[in-house]
Amino acid sequence: MREFKDSDIVQERMWGIVTKYDKERGFGFIKSKVDGHSYFAHVSQIQDGTLERGYLVEFGVGISKKTDREQAENVIVIEAPVHRSRRRGR
């Protein structure tokens, strides 16, 4: 019988929207469009920098060694919303 290592496991990827992210504290939450759950996201798991509220992301789900709870892993930004400047006085 073959033994499997963690690196052998294919991680299912999900899509979701960043609902909250605190750059100073380095964490936030992503709401999955697949299962509707909200997943903790730590800065150490974000590829290419940081997140902002409203970003569409792709991520895997793993178990935090610190809390023993599910968290977002290998987070990749798929689409960043375009921020429109607001005109005032009109």
PDB file of N, CA and C in Angstrom:
ATOM      1  N   MET A   1       0.837  -1.180   0.000  1.00  0.00           N
ATOM      2  CA  MET A   1       0.000   0.000   0.000  1.00  0.00           C
ATOM      3  C   MET A   1       0.882   1.242   0.000  1.00  0.00           C
ATOM      4  N   ARG A   2       0.565   2.193  -0.892  1.00  0.00           N
ATOM      5  CA  ARG A   2       1.347   3.425  -1.015  1.00  0.00           C
ATOM      6  C   ARG A   2       1.037   4.389   0.123  1.00  0.00           C
ATOM      7  N   GLU A   3       2.088   4.993   0.683  1.00  0.00           N
ATOM      8  CA  GLU A   3       1.895   6.011   1.707  1.00  0.00           C
ATOM      9  C   GLU A   3       1.865   7.381   1.041  1.00  0.00           C
ATOM     10  N   PHE A   4       0.951   8.235   1.502  1.00  0.00           N
ATOM     11  CA  PHE A   4       0.825   9.573   0.950  1.00  0.00           C
ATOM     12  C   PHE A   4       1.419  10.595   1.894  1.00  0.00           C
ATOM     13  N   LYS A   5       2.064  11.573   1.301  1.00  0.00           N
ATOM     14  CA  LYS A   5       2.579  12.716   2.052  1.00  0.00           C
ATOM     15  C   LYS A   5       1.645  13.896   1.801  1.00  0.00           C
ATOM     16  N   ASP A   6       1.736  14.925   2.648  1.00  0.00           N
ATOM     17  CA  ASP A   6       0.915  16.122   2.455  1.00  0.00           C
ATOM     18  C   ASP A   6       1.091  16.709   1.061  1.00  0.00           C
ATOM     19  N   SER A   7       2.297  16.660   0.522  1.00  0.00           N
ATOM     20  CA  SER A   7       2.563  17.233  -0.798  1.00  0.00           C
ATOM     21  C   SER A   7       1.888  16.446  -1.916  1.00  0.00           C
ATOM     22  N   ASP A   8       1.443  15.211  -1.649  1.00  0.00           N
ATOM     23  CA  ASP A   8       0.762  14.389  -2.651  1.00  0.00           C
ATOM     24  C   ASP A   8      -0.720  14.733  -2.779  1.00  0.00           C
ATOM     25  N   ILE A   9      -1.253  15.407  -1.792  1.00  0.00           N
ATOM     26  CA  ILE A   9      -2.684  15.694  -1.786  1.00  0.00           C
ATOM     27  C   ILE A   9      -2.981  16.877  -2.688  1.00  0.00           C
ATOM     28  N   VAL A  10      -3.902  16.689  -3.608  1.00  0.00           N
ATOM     29  CA  VAL A  10      -4.304  17.768  -4.504  1.00  0.00           C
ATOM     30  C   VAL A  10      -5.355  18.602  -3.780  1.00  0.00           C
ATOM     31  N   GLN A  11      -5.068  19.877  -3.663  1.00  0.00           N
ATOM     32  CA  GLN A  11      -5.954  20.754  -2.917  1.00  0.00           C
ATOM     33  C   GLN A  11      -7.016  21.348  -3.849  1.00  0.00           C
ATOM     34  N   GLU A  12      -8.266  21.192  -3.463  1.00  0.00           N
ATOM     35  CA  GLU A  12      -9.359  21.775  -4.230  1.00  0.00           C
ATOM     36  C   GLU A  12      -9.317  23.280  -4.073  1.00  0.00           C
ATOM     37  N   ARG A  13      -9.461  23.997  -5.168  1.00  0.00           N
ATOM     38  CA  ARG A  13      -9.416  25.457  -5.147  1.00  0.00           C
ATOM     39  C   ARG A  13     -10.832  26.012  -5.098  1.00  0.00           C
ATOM     40  N   MET A  14     -10.989  27.133  -4.416  1.00  0.00           N
ATOM     41  CA  MET A  14     -12.279  27.811  -4.310  1.00  0.00           C
ATOM     42  C   MET A  14     -12.141  29.246  -4.797  1.00  0.00           C
ATOM     43  N   TRP A  15     -13.279  29.860  -5.029  1.00  0.00           N
ATOM     44  CA  TRP A  15     -13.352  31.272  -5.389  1.00  0.00           C
ATOM     45  C   TRP A  15     -14.084  31.982  -4.265  1.00  0.00           C
ATOM     46  N   GLY A  16     -13.722  33.237  -4.043  1.00  0.00           N
ATOM     47  CA  GLY A  16     -14.411  33.983  -3.006  1.00  0.00           C
ATOM     48  C   GLY A  16     -14.122  35.469  -3.090  1.00  0.00           C
ATOM     49  N   ILE A  17     -14.799  36.219  -2.231  1.00  0.00           N
ATOM     50  CA  ILE A  17     -14.665  37.669  -2.162  1.00  0.00           C
ATOM     51  C   ILE A  17     -14.088  38.035  -0.796  1.00  0.00           C
ATOM     52  N   VAL A  18     -13.108  38.929  -0.804  1.00  0.00           N
ATOM     53  CA  VAL A  18     -12.544  39.415   0.452  1.00  0.00           C
ATOM     54  C   VAL A  18     -13.584  40.319   1.107  1.00  0.00           C
ATOM     55  N   THR A  19     -14.040  39.945   2.299  1.00  0.00           N
ATOM     56  CA  THR A  19     -15.069  40.730   2.992  1.00  0.00           C
ATOM     57  C   THR A  19     -14.465  41.708   3.985  1.00  0.00           C
ATOM     58  N   LYS A  20     -13.261  41.386   4.458  1.00  0.00           N
ATOM     59  CA  LYS A  20     -12.593  42.271   5.412  1.00  0.00           C
ATOM     60  C   LYS A  20     -11.104  41.957   5.360  1.00  0.00           C
ATOM     61  N   TYR A  21     -10.264  43.009   5.396  1.00  0.00           N
ATOM     62  CA  TYR A  21      -8.833  42.790   5.464  1.00  0.00           C
ATOM     63  C   TYR A  21      -8.175  43.976   6.144  1.00  0.00           C
ATOM     64  N   ASP A  22      -7.405  43.704   7.183  1.00  0.00           N
ATOM     65  CA  ASP A  22      -6.699  44.725   7.943  1.00  0.00           C
ATOM     66  C   ASP A  22      -5.214  44.629   7.585  1.00  0.00           C
ATOM     67  N   LYS A  23      -4.727  45.581   6.772  1.00  0.00           N
ATOM     68  CA  LYS A  23      -3.328  45.543   6.322  1.00  0.00           C
ATOM     69  C   LYS A  23      -2.354  45.653   7.487  1.00  0.00           C
ATOM     70  N   GLU A  24      -2.674  46.488   8.463  1.00  0.00           N
ATOM     71  CA  GLU A  24      -1.778  46.684   9.602  1.00  0.00           C
ATOM     72  C   GLU A  24      -1.610  45.413  10.434  1.00  0.00           C
ATOM     73  N   ARG A  25      -2.693  44.683  10.616  1.00  0.00           N
ATOM     74  CA  ARG A  25      -2.646  43.455  11.422  1.00  0.00           C
ATOM     75  C   ARG A  25      -2.312  42.217  10.593  1.00  0.00           C
ATOM     76  N   GLY A  26      -2.439  42.322   9.261  1.00  0.00           N
ATOM     77  CA  GLY A  26      -2.033  41.235   8.383  1.00  0.00           C
ATOM     78  C   GLY A  26      -2.980  40.065   8.280  1.00  0.00           C
ATOM     79  N   PHE A  27      -4.279  40.323   8.459  1.00  0.00           N
ATOM     80  CA  PHE A  27      -5.240  39.234   8.277  1.00  0.00           C
ATOM     81  C   PHE A  27      -6.611  39.781   7.903  1.00  0.00           C
ATOM     82  N   GLY A  28      -7.466  38.866   7.451  1.00  0.00           N
ATOM     83  CA  GLY A  28      -8.825  39.233   7.073  1.00  0.00           C
ATOM     84  C   GLY A  28      -9.651  37.983   6.834  1.00  0.00           C
ATOM     85  N   PHE A  29     -10.745  38.171   6.087  1.00  0.00           N
ATOM     86  CA  PHE A  29     -11.662  37.059   5.843  1.00  0.00           C
ATOM     87  C   PHE A  29     -12.120  37.047   4.389  1.00  0.00           C
ATOM     88  N   ILE A  30     -12.301  35.840   3.877  1.00  0.00           N
ATOM     89  CA  ILE A  30     -12.764  35.617   2.506  1.00  0.00           C
ATOM     90  C   ILE A  30     -14.043  34.799   2.577  1.00  0.00           C
ATOM     91  N   LYS A  31     -15.095  35.272   1.899  1.00  0.00           N
ATOM     92  CA  LYS A  31     -16.351  34.514   1.848  1.00  0.00           C
ATOM     93  C   LYS A  31     -16.359  33.698   0.561  1.00  0.00           C
ATOM     94  N   SER A  32     -16.447  32.394   0.716  1.00  0.00           N
ATOM     95  CA  SER A  32     -16.409  31.476  -0.417  1.00  0.00           C
ATOM     96  C   SER A  32     -17.686  31.565  -1.249  1.00  0.00           C
ATOM     97  N   LYS A  33     -17.520  31.597  -2.575  1.00  0.00           N
ATOM     98  CA  LYS A  33     -18.665  31.538  -3.480  1.00  0.00           C
ATOM     99  C   LYS A  33     -19.076  30.086  -3.716  1.00  0.00           C
ATOM    100  N   VAL A  34     -18.257  29.148  -3.247  1.00  0.00           N
ATOM    101  CA  VAL A  34     -18.535  27.723  -3.425  1.00  0.00           C
ATOM    102  C   VAL A  34     -19.425  27.190  -2.309  1.00  0.00           C
ATOM    103  N   ASP A  35     -19.017  27.420  -1.053  1.00  0.00           N
ATOM    104  CA  ASP A  35     -19.777  26.849   0.056  1.00  0.00           C
ATOM    105  C   ASP A  35     -20.391  27.891   1.000  1.00  0.00           C
ATOM    106  N   GLY A  36     -20.133  29.181   0.747  1.00  0.00           N
ATOM    107  CA  GLY A  36     -20.734  30.246   1.554  1.00  0.00           C
ATOM    108  C   GLY A  36     -20.065  30.491   2.892  1.00  0.00           C
ATOM    109  N   HIS A  37     -19.057  29.690   3.233  1.00  0.00           N
ATOM    110  CA  HIS A  37     -18.357  29.874   4.515  1.00  0.00           C
ATOM    111  C   HIS A  37     -17.383  31.040   4.424  1.00  0.00           C
ATOM    112  N   SER A  38     -17.056  31.605   5.574  1.00  0.00           N
ATOM    113  CA  SER A  38     -16.064  32.665   5.668  1.00  0.00           C
ATOM    114  C   SER A  38     -14.767  32.046   6.192  1.00  0.00           C
ATOM    115  N   TYR A  39     -13.661  32.280   5.480  1.00  0.00           N
ATOM    116  CA  TYR A  39     -12.374  31.693   5.838  1.00  0.00           C
ATOM    117  C   TYR A  39     -11.388  32.775   6.258  1.00  0.00           C
ATOM    118  N   PHE A  40     -10.670  32.510   7.343  1.00  0.00           N
ATOM    119  CA  PHE A  40      -9.604  33.371   7.825  1.00  0.00           C
ATOM    120  C   PHE A  40      -8.487  33.385   6.790  1.00  0.00           C
ATOM    121  N   ALA A  41      -7.908  34.564   6.527  1.00  0.00           N
ATOM    122  CA  ALA A  41      -6.799  34.684   5.580  1.00  0.00           C
ATOM    123  C   ALA A  41      -5.660  35.467   6.235  1.00  0.00           C
ATOM    124  N   HIS A  42      -4.496  34.839   6.372  1.00  0.00           N
ATOM    125  CA  HIS A  42      -3.327  35.480   6.970  1.00  0.00           C
ATOM    126  C   HIS A  42      -2.383  35.950   5.864  1.00  0.00           C
ATOM    127  N   VAL A  43      -1.696  37.049   6.109  1.00  0.00           N
ATOM    128  CA  VAL A  43      -0.790  37.637   5.127  1.00  0.00           C
ATOM    129  C   VAL A  43       0.243  36.625   4.621  1.00  0.00           C
ATOM    130  N   SER A  44       0.643  35.681   5.437  1.00  0.00           N
ATOM    131  CA  SER A  44       1.635  34.684   5.026  1.00  0.00           C
ATOM    132  C   SER A  44       1.124  33.762   3.923  1.00  0.00           C
ATOM    133  N   GLN A  45      -0.199  33.703   3.712  1.00  0.00           N
ATOM    134  CA  GLN A  45      -0.784  32.824   2.701  1.00  0.00           C
ATOM    135  C   GLN A  45      -1.191  33.553   1.424  1.00  0.00           C
ATOM    136  N   ILE A  46      -0.885  34.854   1.353  1.00  0.00           N
ATOM    137  CA  ILE A  46      -1.293  35.659   0.201  1.00  0.00           C
ATOM    138  C   ILE A  46      -0.132  35.769  -0.777  1.00  0.00           C
ATOM    139  N   GLN A  47      -0.365  35.298  -1.987  1.00  0.00           N
ATOM    140  CA  GLN A  47       0.639  35.411  -3.037  1.00  0.00           C
ATOM    141  C   GLN A  47       0.572  36.838  -3.596  1.00  0.00           C
ATOM    142  N   ASP A  48       1.674  37.407  -3.937  1.00  0.00           N
ATOM    143  CA  ASP A  48       1.733  38.741  -4.561  1.00  0.00           C
ATOM    144  C   ASP A  48       1.242  39.875  -3.671  1.00  0.00           C
ATOM    145  N   GLY A  49       1.553  39.853  -2.400  1.00  0.00           N
ATOM    146  CA  GLY A  49       1.293  41.035  -1.584  1.00  0.00           C
ATOM    147  C   GLY A  49       0.138  41.016  -0.628  1.00  0.00           C
ATOM    148  N   THR A  50      -0.827  41.891  -0.874  1.00  0.00           N
ATOM    149  CA  THR A  50      -1.885  42.123   0.099  1.00  0.00           C
ATOM    150  C   THR A  50      -3.268  42.029  -0.533  1.00  0.00           C
ATOM    151  N   LEU A  51      -4.275  42.075   0.306  1.00  0.00           N
ATOM    152  CA  LEU A  51      -5.669  42.032  -0.145  1.00  0.00           C
ATOM    153  C   LEU A  51      -6.376  43.323   0.227  1.00  0.00           C
ATOM    154  N   GLU A  52      -7.515  43.535  -0.389  1.00  0.00           N
ATOM    155  CA  GLU A  52      -8.410  44.625  -0.027  1.00  0.00           C
ATOM    156  C   GLU A  52      -9.837  44.106  -0.136  1.00  0.00           C
ATOM    157  N   ARG A  53     -10.706  44.754   0.604  1.00  0.00           N
ATOM    158  CA  ARG A  53     -12.130  44.387   0.575  1.00  0.00           C
ATOM    159  C   ARG A  53     -12.641  44.458  -0.871  1.00  0.00           C
ATOM    160  N   GLY A  54     -13.391  43.433  -1.269  1.00  0.00           N
ATOM    161  CA  GLY A  54     -13.978  43.402  -2.604  1.00  0.00           C
ATOM    162  C   GLY A  54     -13.178  42.639  -3.643  1.00  0.00           C
ATOM    163  N   TYR A  55     -11.946  42.266  -3.336  1.00  0.00           N
ATOM    164  CA  TYR A  55     -11.136  41.505  -4.287  1.00  0.00           C
ATOM    165  C   TYR A  55     -11.757  40.131  -4.502  1.00  0.00           C
ATOM    166  N   LEU A  56     -11.732  39.670  -5.744  1.00  0.00           N
ATOM    167  CA  LEU A  56     -12.110  38.298  -6.090  1.00  0.00           C
ATOM    168  C   LEU A  56     -10.824  37.480  -6.023  1.00  0.00           C
ATOM    169  N   VAL A  57     -10.846  36.393  -5.265  1.00  0.00           N
ATOM    170  CA  VAL A  57      -9.639  35.589  -5.077  1.00  0.00           C
ATOM    171  C   VAL A  57      -9.914  34.108  -5.289  1.00  0.00           C
ATOM    172  N   GLU A  58      -8.844  33.385  -5.545  1.00  0.00           N
ATOM    173  CA  GLU A  58      -8.878  31.933  -5.613  1.00  0.00           C
ATOM    174  C   GLU A  58      -8.017  31.451  -4.460  1.00  0.00           C
ATOM    175  N   PHE A  59      -8.445  30.391  -3.778  1.00  0.00           N
ATOM    176  CA  PHE A  59      -7.700  29.918  -2.623  1.00  0.00           C
ATOM    177  C   PHE A  59      -7.975  28.450  -2.346  1.00  0.00           C
ATOM    178  N   GLY A  60      -7.099  27.871  -1.578  1.00  0.00           N
ATOM    179  CA  GLY A  60      -7.286  26.517  -1.081  1.00  0.00           C
ATOM    180  C   GLY A  60      -7.669  26.606   0.386  1.00  0.00           C
ATOM    181  N   VAL A  61      -8.070  25.494   0.956  1.00  0.00           N
ATOM    182  CA  VAL A  61      -8.440  25.467   2.368  1.00  0.00           C
ATOM    183  C   VAL A  61      -7.538  24.477   3.080  1.00  0.00           C
ATOM    184  N   GLY A  62      -6.985  24.929   4.200  1.00  0.00           N
ATOM    185  CA  GLY A  62      -6.131  24.075   5.011  1.00  0.00           C
ATOM    186  C   GLY A  62      -6.472  24.271   6.473  1.00  0.00           C
ATOM    187  N   ILE A  63      -5.762  23.582   7.322  1.00  0.00           N
ATOM    188  CA  ILE A  63      -5.966  23.678   8.766  1.00  0.00           C
ATOM    189  C   ILE A  63      -4.815  24.471   9.373  1.00  0.00           C
ATOM    190  N   SER A  64      -5.149  25.490  10.135  1.00  0.00           N
ATOM    191  CA  SER A  64      -4.148  26.295  10.829  1.00  0.00           C
ATOM    192  C   SER A  64      -3.481  25.470  11.920  1.00  0.00           C
ATOM    193  N   LYS A  65      -2.159  25.488  11.958  1.00  0.00           N
ATOM    194  CA  LYS A  65      -1.430  24.770  13.005  1.00  0.00           C
ATOM    195  C   LYS A  65      -1.608  25.467  14.349  1.00  0.00           C
ATOM    196  N   LYS A  66      -1.841  26.780  14.303  1.00  0.00           N
ATOM    197  CA  LYS A  66      -1.980  27.552  15.536  1.00  0.00           C
ATOM    198  C   LYS A  66      -3.356  27.378  16.183  1.00  0.00           C
ATOM    199  N   THR A  67      -4.419  27.416  15.364  1.00  0.00           N
ATOM    200  CA  THR A  67      -5.780  27.370  15.915  1.00  0.00           C
ATOM    201  C   THR A  67      -6.502  26.056  15.685  1.00  0.00           C
ATOM    202  N   ASP A  68      -5.954  25.199  14.810  1.00  0.00           N
ATOM    203  CA  ASP A  68      -6.581  23.932  14.441  1.00  0.00           C
ATOM    204  C   ASP A  68      -7.941  24.133  13.766  1.00  0.00           C
ATOM    205  N   ARG A  69      -8.094  25.262  13.075  1.00  0.00           N
ATOM    206  CA  ARG A  69      -9.327  25.567  12.326  1.00  0.00           C
ATOM    207  C   ARG A  69      -9.004  25.746  10.853  1.00  0.00           C
ATOM    208  N   GLU A  70     -10.048  25.656  10.024  1.00  0.00           N
ATOM    209  CA  GLU A  70      -9.855  25.869   8.591  1.00  0.00           C
ATOM    210  C   GLU A  70      -9.458  27.316   8.318  1.00  0.00           C
ATOM    211  N   GLN A  71      -8.588  27.476   7.300  1.00  0.00           N
ATOM    212  CA  GLN A  71      -8.190  28.812   6.876  1.00  0.00           C
ATOM    213  C   GLN A  71      -7.886  28.797   5.384  1.00  0.00           C
ATOM    214  N   ALA A  72      -7.887  29.971   4.788  1.00  0.00           N
ATOM    215  CA  ALA A  72      -7.538  30.110   3.374  1.00  0.00           C
ATOM    216  C   ALA A  72      -6.031  29.959   3.224  1.00  0.00           C
ATOM    217  N   GLU A  73      -5.618  29.240   2.178  1.00  0.00           N
ATOM    218  CA  GLU A  73      -4.199  29.041   1.900  1.00  0.00           C
ATOM    219  C   GLU A  73      -3.920  29.332   0.441  1.00  0.00           C
ATOM    220  N   ASN A  74      -2.688  29.753   0.164  1.00  0.00           N
ATOM    221  CA  ASN A  74      -2.257  30.028  -1.210  1.00  0.00           C
ATOM    222  C   ASN A  74      -3.261  30.923  -1.934  1.00  0.00           C
ATOM    223  N   VAL A  75      -3.546  32.072  -1.348  1.00  0.00           N
ATOM    224  CA  VAL A  75      -4.545  33.010  -1.874  1.00  0.00           C
ATOM    225  C   VAL A  75      -3.955  33.767  -3.063  1.00  0.00           C
ATOM    226  N   ILE A  76      -4.688  33.758  -4.181  1.00  0.00           N
ATOM    227  CA  ILE A  76      -4.271  34.441  -5.405  1.00  0.00           C
ATOM    228  C   ILE A  76      -5.369  35.421  -5.799  1.00  0.00           C
ATOM    229  N   VAL A  77      -4.988  36.674  -6.036  1.00  0.00           N
ATOM    230  CA  VAL A  77      -5.961  37.675  -6.474  1.00  0.00           C
ATOM    231  C   VAL A  77      -6.294  37.419  -7.940  1.00  0.00           C
ATOM    232  N   ILE A  78      -7.581  37.268  -8.223  1.00  0.00           N
ATOM    233  CA  ILE A  78      -8.053  37.053  -9.591  1.00  0.00           C
ATOM    234  C   ILE A  78      -8.478  38.385 -10.218  1.00  0.00           C
ATOM    235  N   GLU A  79      -9.166  39.188  -9.418  1.00  0.00           N
ATOM    236  CA  GLU A  79      -9.650  40.473  -9.933  1.00  0.00           C
ATOM    237  C   GLU A  79      -9.739  41.483  -8.796  1.00  0.00           C
ATOM    238  N   ALA A  80      -9.143  42.636  -9.026  1.00  0.00           N
ATOM    239  CA  ALA A  80      -9.235  43.731  -8.065  1.00  0.00           C
ATOM    240  C   ALA A  80     -10.254  44.732  -8.597  1.00  0.00           C
ATOM    241  N   PRO A  81     -11.213  45.150  -7.782  1.00  0.00           N
ATOM    242  CA  PRO A  81     -12.216  46.100  -8.257  1.00  0.00           C
ATOM    243  C   PRO A  81     -11.584  47.437  -8.599  1.00  0.00           C
ATOM    244  N   VAL A  82     -12.143  48.094  -9.591  1.00  0.00           N
ATOM    245  CA  VAL A  82     -11.675  49.418  -9.983  1.00  0.00           C
ATOM    246  C   VAL A  82     -12.338  50.420  -9.065  1.00  0.00           C
ATOM    247  N   HIS A  83     -11.514  51.241  -8.417  1.00  0.00           N
ATOM    248  CA  HIS A  83     -12.055  52.269  -7.529  1.00  0.00           C
ATOM    249  C   HIS A  83     -12.325  53.522  -8.350  1.00  0.00           C
ATOM    250  N   ARG A  84     -13.553  53.960  -8.320  1.00  0.00           N
ATOM    251  CA  ARG A  84     -13.936  55.177  -9.050  1.00  0.00           C
ATOM    252  C   ARG A  84     -13.839  56.365  -8.128  1.00  0.00           C
ATOM    253  N   SER A  85     -13.289  57.446  -8.635  1.00  0.00           N
ATOM    254  CA  SER A  85     -13.226  58.648  -7.803  1.00  0.00           C
ATOM    255  C   SER A  85     -14.624  59.263  -7.746  1.00  0.00           C
ATOM    256  N   ARG A  86     -14.961  59.782  -6.577  1.00  0.00           N
ATOM    257  CA  ARG A  86     -16.276  60.381  -6.399  1.00  0.00           C
ATOM    258  C   ARG A  86     -16.173  61.890  -6.571  1.00  0.00           C
ATOM    259  N   ARG A  87     -17.059  62.423  -7.334  1.00  0.00           N
ATOM    260  CA  ARG A  87     -17.105  63.873  -7.493  1.00  0.00           C
ATOM    261  C   ARG A  87     -17.951  64.470  -6.392  1.00  0.00           C
ATOM    262  N   ARG A  88     -17.427  65.498  -5.803  1.00  0.00           N
ATOM    263  CA  ARG A  88     -18.170  66.177  -4.755  1.00  0.00           C
ATOM    264  C   ARG A  88     -18.630  67.526  -5.253  1.00  0.00           C
ATOM    265  N   GLY A  89     -19.752  67.955  -4.686  1.00  0.00           N
ATOM    266  CA  GLY A  89     -20.263  69.276  -5.048  1.00  0.00           C
ATOM    267  C   GLY A  89     -21.176  69.288  -6.245  1.00  0.00           C
ATOM    268  N   ARG A  90     -21.505  68.156  -6.780  1.00  0.00           N
ATOM    269  CA  ARG A  90     -22.425  68.107  -7.924  1.00  0.00           C
ATOM    270  C   ARG A  90     -23.640  67.311  -7.592  1.00  0.00           C
TER     271      ARG A  90
END
